[in-house]
């Protein structure tokens, strides 16, 4: 299954791979796109957006 993301969501997903959670500022619409696709999740304790394992696989497949 291929998940289509907006260019902004792709850049945000890449930044989640590079920037520590506490420093990532994600616009609400982009966060929703990543959360709906299952490529990111929201931490219950502090509301931070983190990449899921599926997000990492998606990035790796896109890079190949």
PDB file of N, CA and C in Angstrom:
ATOM      1  N   UNK A   1       0.837  -1.179   0.000  1.00  0.00           N
ATOM      2  CA  UNK A   1       0.000   0.000   0.000  1.00  0.00           C
ATOM      3  C   UNK A   1       0.881   1.242   0.000  1.00  0.00           C
ATOM      4  N   UNK A   2       0.547   2.182  -0.852  1.00  0.00           N
ATOM      5  CA  UNK A   2       1.314   3.422  -0.938  1.00  0.00           C
ATOM      6  C   UNK A   2       0.522   4.543  -0.279  1.00  0.00           C
ATOM      7  N   UNK A   3       1.172   5.291   0.581  1.00  0.00           N
ATOM      8  CA  UNK A   3       0.540   6.420   1.265  1.00  0.00           C
ATOM      9  C   UNK A   3       1.033   7.701   0.613  1.00  0.00           C
ATOM     10  N   UNK A   4       0.109   8.471   0.086  1.00  0.00           N
ATOM     11  CA  UNK A   4       0.431   9.750  -0.564  1.00  0.00           C
ATOM     12  C   UNK A   4       0.402  10.849   0.493  1.00  0.00           C
ATOM     13  N   UNK A   5       1.498  11.603   0.592  1.00  0.00           N
ATOM     14  CA  UNK A   5       1.594  12.717   1.529  1.00  0.00           C
ATOM     15  C   UNK A   5       1.863  14.010   0.786  1.00  0.00           C
ATOM     16  N   UNK A   6       1.428  15.102   1.373  1.00  0.00           N
ATOM     17  CA  UNK A   6       1.740  16.420   0.811  1.00  0.00           C
ATOM     18  C   UNK A   6       3.238  16.659   0.981  1.00  0.00           C
ATOM     19  N   UNK A   7       3.822  17.523   0.156  1.00  0.00           N
ATOM     20  CA  UNK A   7       5.253  17.832   0.300  1.00  0.00           C
ATOM     21  C   UNK A   7       5.598  18.353   1.701  1.00  0.00           C
ATOM     22  N   UNK A   8       4.681  19.117   2.299  1.00  0.00           N
ATOM     23  CA  UNK A   8       4.923  19.645   3.642  1.00  0.00           C
ATOM     24  C   UNK A   8       4.969  18.521   4.674  1.00  0.00           C
ATOM     25  N   UNK A   9       4.086  17.539   4.512  1.00  0.00           N
ATOM     26  CA  UNK A   9       4.067  16.403   5.440  1.00  0.00           C
ATOM     27  C   UNK A   9       5.332  15.568   5.294  1.00  0.00           C
ATOM     28  N   UNK A  10       5.823  15.411   4.069  1.00  0.00           N
ATOM     29  CA  UNK A  10       7.065  14.666   3.840  1.00  0.00           C
ATOM     30  C   UNK A  10       8.220  15.364   4.552  1.00  0.00           C
ATOM     31  N   UNK A  11       8.308  16.672   4.407  1.00  0.00           N
ATOM     32  CA  UNK A  11       9.377  17.429   5.062  1.00  0.00           C
ATOM     33  C   UNK A  11       9.267  17.326   6.584  1.00  0.00           C
ATOM     34  N   UNK A  12       8.053  17.379   7.094  1.00  0.00           N
ATOM     35  CA  UNK A  12       7.852  17.269   8.542  1.00  0.00           C
ATOM     36  C   UNK A  12       8.261  15.893   9.033  1.00  0.00           C
ATOM     37  N   UNK A  13       7.889  14.852   8.291  1.00  0.00           N
ATOM     38  CA  UNK A  13       8.267  13.496   8.671  1.00  0.00           C
ATOM     39  C   UNK A  13       9.787  13.356   8.685  1.00  0.00           C
ATOM     40  N   UNK A  14      10.448  13.911   7.693  1.00  0.00           N
ATOM     41  CA  UNK A  14      11.910  13.888   7.665  1.00  0.00           C
ATOM     42  C   UNK A  14      12.483  14.616   8.867  1.00  0.00           C
ATOM     43  N   UNK A  15      11.871  15.736   9.247  1.00  0.00           N
ATOM     44  CA  UNK A  15      12.389  16.505  10.389  1.00  0.00           C
ATOM     45  C   UNK A  15      12.196  15.743  11.696  1.00  0.00           C
ATOM     46  N   UNK A  16      11.127  14.940  11.805  1.00  0.00           N
ATOM     47  CA  UNK A  16      10.930  14.138  13.006  1.00  0.00           C
ATOM     48  C   UNK A  16      12.041  13.111  13.164  1.00  0.00           C
ATOM     49  N   UNK A  17      12.664  12.739  12.051  1.00  0.00           N
ATOM     50  CA  UNK A  17      13.773  11.787  12.082  1.00  0.00           C
ATOM     51  C   UNK A  17      15.061  12.453  12.545  1.00  0.00           C
ATOM     52  N   UNK A  18      15.166  13.788  12.388  1.00  0.00           N
ATOM     53  CA  UNK A  18      16.408  14.507  12.686  1.00  0.00           C
ATOM     54  C   UNK A  18      16.360  15.361  13.950  1.00  0.00           C
ATOM     55  N   UNK A  19      15.217  15.903  14.290  1.00  0.00           N
ATOM     56  CA  UNK A  19      15.115  16.853  15.388  1.00  0.00           C
ATOM     57  C   UNK A  19      14.550  16.158  16.620  1.00  0.00           C
ATOM     58  N   UNK A  20      15.180  16.366  17.775  1.00  0.00           N
ATOM     59  CA  UNK A  20      14.601  15.795  19.004  1.00  0.00           C
ATOM     60  C   UNK A  20      13.161  16.269  19.192  1.00  0.00           C
ATOM     61  N   UNK A  21      12.335  15.397  19.755  1.00  0.00           N
ATOM     62  CA  UNK A  21      10.907  15.656  19.894  1.00  0.00           C
ATOM     63  C   UNK A  21      10.571  17.033  20.441  1.00  0.00           C
ATOM     64  N   UNK A  22      11.242  17.435  21.486  1.00  0.00           N
ATOM     65  CA  UNK A  22      10.883  18.675  22.165  1.00  0.00           C
ATOM     66  C   UNK A  22      11.141  19.907  21.306  1.00  0.00           C
ATOM     67  N   UNK A  23      11.953  19.773  20.256  1.00  0.00           N
ATOM     68  CA  UNK A  23      12.283  20.916  19.414  1.00  0.00           C
ATOM     69  C   UNK A  23      11.442  20.980  18.137  1.00  0.00           C
ATOM     70  N   UNK A  24      10.665  19.965  17.850  1.00  0.00           N
ATOM     71  CA  UNK A  24       9.901  19.925  16.605  1.00  0.00           C
ATOM     72  C   UNK A  24       8.597  20.714  16.758  1.00  0.00           C
ATOM     73  N   UNK A  25       8.400  21.712  15.902  1.00  0.00           N
ATOM     74  CA  UNK A  25       7.149  22.476  15.880  1.00  0.00           C
ATOM     75  C   UNK A  25       6.391  22.068  14.622  1.00  0.00           C
ATOM     76  N   UNK A  26       5.281  21.373  14.803  1.00  0.00           N
ATOM     77  CA  UNK A  26       4.523  20.837  13.680  1.00  0.00           C
ATOM     78  C   UNK A  26       3.177  21.538  13.566  1.00  0.00           C
ATOM     79  N   UNK A  27       2.897  22.147  12.403  1.00  0.00           N
ATOM     80  CA  UNK A  27       1.574  22.756  12.210  1.00  0.00           C
ATOM     81  C   UNK A  27       0.468  21.706  12.376  1.00  0.00           C
ATOM     82  N   UNK A  28      -0.667  22.121  12.904  1.00  0.00           N
ATOM     83  CA  UNK A  28      -1.767  21.199  13.219  1.00  0.00           C
ATOM     84  C   UNK A  28      -2.230  20.399  11.995  1.00  0.00           C
ATOM     85  N   UNK A  29      -2.382  21.043  10.847  1.00  0.00           N
ATOM     86  CA  UNK A  29      -2.871  20.335   9.652  1.00  0.00           C
ATOM     87  C   UNK A  29      -1.895  19.255   9.199  1.00  0.00           C
ATOM     88  N   UNK A  30      -0.604  19.529   9.306  1.00  0.00           N
ATOM     89  CA  UNK A  30       0.416  18.545   8.915  1.00  0.00           C
ATOM     90  C   UNK A  30       0.434  17.395   9.925  1.00  0.00           C
ATOM     91  N   UNK A  31       0.342  17.736  11.203  1.00  0.00           N
ATOM     92  CA  UNK A  31       0.313  16.699  12.236  1.00  0.00           C
ATOM     93  C   UNK A  31      -0.873  15.769  12.018  1.00  0.00           C
ATOM     94  N   UNK A  32      -2.036  16.332  11.704  1.00  0.00           N
ATOM     95  CA  UNK A  32      -3.224  15.523  11.453  1.00  0.00           C
ATOM     96  C   UNK A  32      -3.022  14.579  10.268  1.00  0.00           C
ATOM     97  N   UNK A  33      -2.385  15.064   9.216  1.00  0.00           N
ATOM     98  CA  UNK A  33      -2.123  14.229   8.039  1.00  0.00           C
ATOM     99  C   UNK A  33      -1.237  13.045   8.412  1.00  0.00           C
ATOM    100  N   UNK A  34      -0.192  13.293   9.200  1.00  0.00           N
ATOM    101  CA  UNK A  34       0.712  12.217   9.606  1.00  0.00           C
ATOM    102  C   UNK A  34       0.040  11.258  10.582  1.00  0.00           C
ATOM    103  N   UNK A  35      -0.772  11.794  11.492  1.00  0.00           N
ATOM    104  CA  UNK A  35      -1.476  10.946  12.454  1.00  0.00           C
ATOM    105  C   UNK A  35      -2.506  10.058  11.766  1.00  0.00           C
ATOM    106  N   UNK A  36      -3.262  10.619  10.821  1.00  0.00           N
ATOM    107  CA  UNK A  36      -4.278   9.843  10.089  1.00  0.00           C
ATOM    108  C   UNK A  36      -3.648   8.721   9.275  1.00  0.00           C
ATOM    109  N   UNK A  37      -2.477   8.975   8.726  1.00  0.00           N
ATOM    110  CA  UNK A  37      -1.823   7.965   7.889  1.00  0.00           C
ATOM    111  C   UNK A  37      -1.133   6.885   8.719  1.00  0.00           C
ATOM    112  N   UNK A  38      -0.975   7.122  10.022  1.00  0.00           N
ATOM    113  CA  UNK A  38      -0.308   6.140  10.877  1.00  0.00           C
ATOM    114  C   UNK A  38       1.197   6.246  10.853  1.00  0.00           C
ATOM    115  N   UNK A  39       1.728   7.311  10.243  1.00  0.00           N
ATOM    116  CA  UNK A  39       3.174   7.480  10.157  1.00  0.00           C
ATOM    117  C   UNK A  39       3.743   8.223  11.356  1.00  0.00           C
ATOM    118  N   UNK A  40       2.865   8.756  12.196  1.00  0.00           N
ATOM    119  CA  UNK A  40       3.282   9.449  13.417  1.00  0.00           C
ATOM    120  C   UNK A  40       2.228   9.210  14.485  1.00  0.00           C
ATOM    121  N   UNK A  41       2.615   9.442  15.721  1.00  0.00           N
ATOM    122  CA  UNK A  41       1.671   9.341  16.835  1.00  0.00           C
ATOM    123  C   UNK A  41       1.918  10.500  17.785  1.00  0.00           C
ATOM    124  N   UNK A  42       0.924  10.803  18.596  1.00  0.00           N
ATOM    125  CA  UNK A  42       1.044  11.896  19.550  1.00  0.00           C
ATOM    126  C   UNK A  42       1.284  11.317  20.935  1.00  0.00           C
ATOM    127  N   UNK A  43       2.338  11.779  21.579  1.00  0.00           N
ATOM    128  CA  UNK A  43       2.655  11.329  22.930  1.00  0.00           C
ATOM    129  C   UNK A  43       1.554  11.756  23.890  1.00  0.00           C
ATOM    130  N   UNK A  44       1.073  10.839  24.681  1.00  0.00           N
ATOM    131  CA  UNK A  44      -0.008  11.149  25.626  1.00  0.00           C
ATOM    132  C   UNK A  44       0.457  12.074  26.738  1.00  0.00           C
ATOM    133  N   UNK A  45       1.697  11.939  27.149  1.00  0.00           N
ATOM    134  CA  UNK A  45       2.164  12.700  28.301  1.00  0.00           C
ATOM    135  C   UNK A  45       2.390  14.175  28.005  1.00  0.00           C
ATOM    136  N   UNK A  46       2.870  14.500  26.802  1.00  0.00           N
ATOM    137  CA  UNK A  46       3.183  15.914  26.534  1.00  0.00           C
ATOM    138  C   UNK A  46       2.674  16.409  25.187  1.00  0.00           C
ATOM    139  N   UNK A  47       1.945  15.590  24.435  1.00  0.00           N
ATOM    140  CA  UNK A  47       1.368  16.040  23.178  1.00  0.00           C
ATOM    141  C   UNK A  47       2.357  16.229  22.043  1.00  0.00           C
ATOM    142  N   UNK A  48       3.537  15.652  22.147  1.00  0.00           N
ATOM    143  CA  UNK A  48       4.571  15.766  21.120  1.00  0.00           C
ATOM    144  C   UNK A  48       4.307  14.744  20.020  1.00  0.00           C
ATOM    145  N   UNK A  49       4.550  15.132  18.775  1.00  0.00           N
ATOM    146  CA  UNK A  49       4.398  14.231  17.631  1.00  0.00           C
ATOM    147  C   UNK A  49       5.704  13.467  17.421  1.00  0.00           C
ATOM    148  N   UNK A  50       5.603  12.143  17.345  1.00  0.00           N
ATOM    149  CA  UNK A  50       6.756  11.269  17.114  1.00  0.00           C
ATOM    150  C   UNK A  50       6.499  10.393  15.904  1.00  0.00           C
ATOM    151  N   UNK A  51       7.565   9.982  15.239  1.00  0.00           N
ATOM    152  CA  UNK A  51       7.449   9.098  14.088  1.00  0.00           C
ATOM    153  C   UNK A  51       7.234   7.661  14.552  1.00  0.00           C
ATOM    154  N   UNK A  52       6.364   6.948  13.855  1.00  0.00           N
ATOM    155  CA  UNK A  52       6.160   5.523  14.134  1.00  0.00           C
ATOM    156  C   UNK A  52       7.169   4.706  13.316  1.00  0.00           C
ATOM    157  N   UNK A  53       7.227   3.424  13.599  1.00  0.00           N
ATOM    158  CA  UNK A  53       8.077   2.537  12.804  1.00  0.00           C
ATOM    159  C   UNK A  53       7.616   2.547  11.348  1.00  0.00           C
ATOM    160  N   UNK A  54       6.301   2.639  11.140  1.00  0.00           N
ATOM    161  CA  UNK A  54       5.774   2.717   9.766  1.00  0.00           C
ATOM    162  C   UNK A  54       6.266   3.981   9.066  1.00  0.00           C
ATOM    163  N   UNK A  55       6.387   5.068   9.811  1.00  0.00           N
ATOM    164  CA  UNK A  55       6.920   6.308   9.234  1.00  0.00           C
ATOM    165  C   UNK A  55       8.355   6.138   8.783  1.00  0.00           C
ATOM    166  N   UNK A  56       9.138   5.435   9.577  1.00  0.00           N
ATOM    167  CA  UNK A  56      10.542   5.189   9.226  1.00  0.00           C
ATOM    168  C   UNK A  56      10.635   4.292   7.987  1.00  0.00           C
ATOM    169  N   UNK A  57       9.788   3.267   7.922  1.00  0.00           N
ATOM    170  CA  UNK A  57       9.750   2.384   6.747  1.00  0.00           C
ATOM    171  C   UNK A  57       9.354   3.183   5.524  1.00  0.00           C
ATOM    172  N   UNK A  58       8.333   4.046   5.653  1.00  0.00           N
ATOM    173  CA  UNK A  58       7.867   4.869   4.536  1.00  0.00           C
ATOM    174  C   UNK A  58       9.008   5.737   4.013  1.00  0.00           C
ATOM    175  N   UNK A  59       9.749   6.381   4.920  1.00  0.00           N
ATOM    176  CA  UNK A  59      10.880   7.208   4.489  1.00  0.00           C
ATOM    177  C   UNK A  59      11.946   6.379   3.791  1.00  0.00           C
ATOM    178  N   UNK A  60      12.253   5.205   4.340  1.00  0.00           N
ATOM    179  CA  UNK A  60      13.271   4.338   3.739  1.00  0.00           C
ATOM    180  C   UNK A  60      12.856   3.869   2.346  1.00  0.00           C
ATOM    181  N   UNK A  61      11.588   3.522   2.180  1.00  0.00           N
ATOM    182  CA  UNK A  61      11.109   3.076   0.872  1.00  0.00           C
ATOM    183  C   UNK A  61      11.122   4.234  -0.133  1.00  0.00           C
ATOM    184  N   UNK A  62      10.803   5.414   0.329  1.00  0.00           N
ATOM    185  CA  UNK A  62      10.787   6.587  -0.534  1.00  0.00           C
ATOM    186  C   UNK A  62      12.201   6.945  -0.995  1.00  0.00           C
ATOM    187  N   UNK A  63      13.179   6.738  -0.103  1.00  0.00           N
ATOM    188  CA  UNK A  63      14.565   7.067  -0.410  1.00  0.00           C
ATOM    189  C   UNK A  63      15.180   6.071  -1.378  1.00  0.00           C
ATOM    190  N   UNK A  64      14.651   4.843  -1.405  1.00  0.00           N
ATOM    191  CA  UNK A  64      15.236   3.779  -2.250  1.00  0.00           C
ATOM    192  C   UNK A  64      14.914   4.004  -3.719  1.00  0.00           C
TER     193      UNK A  64
END
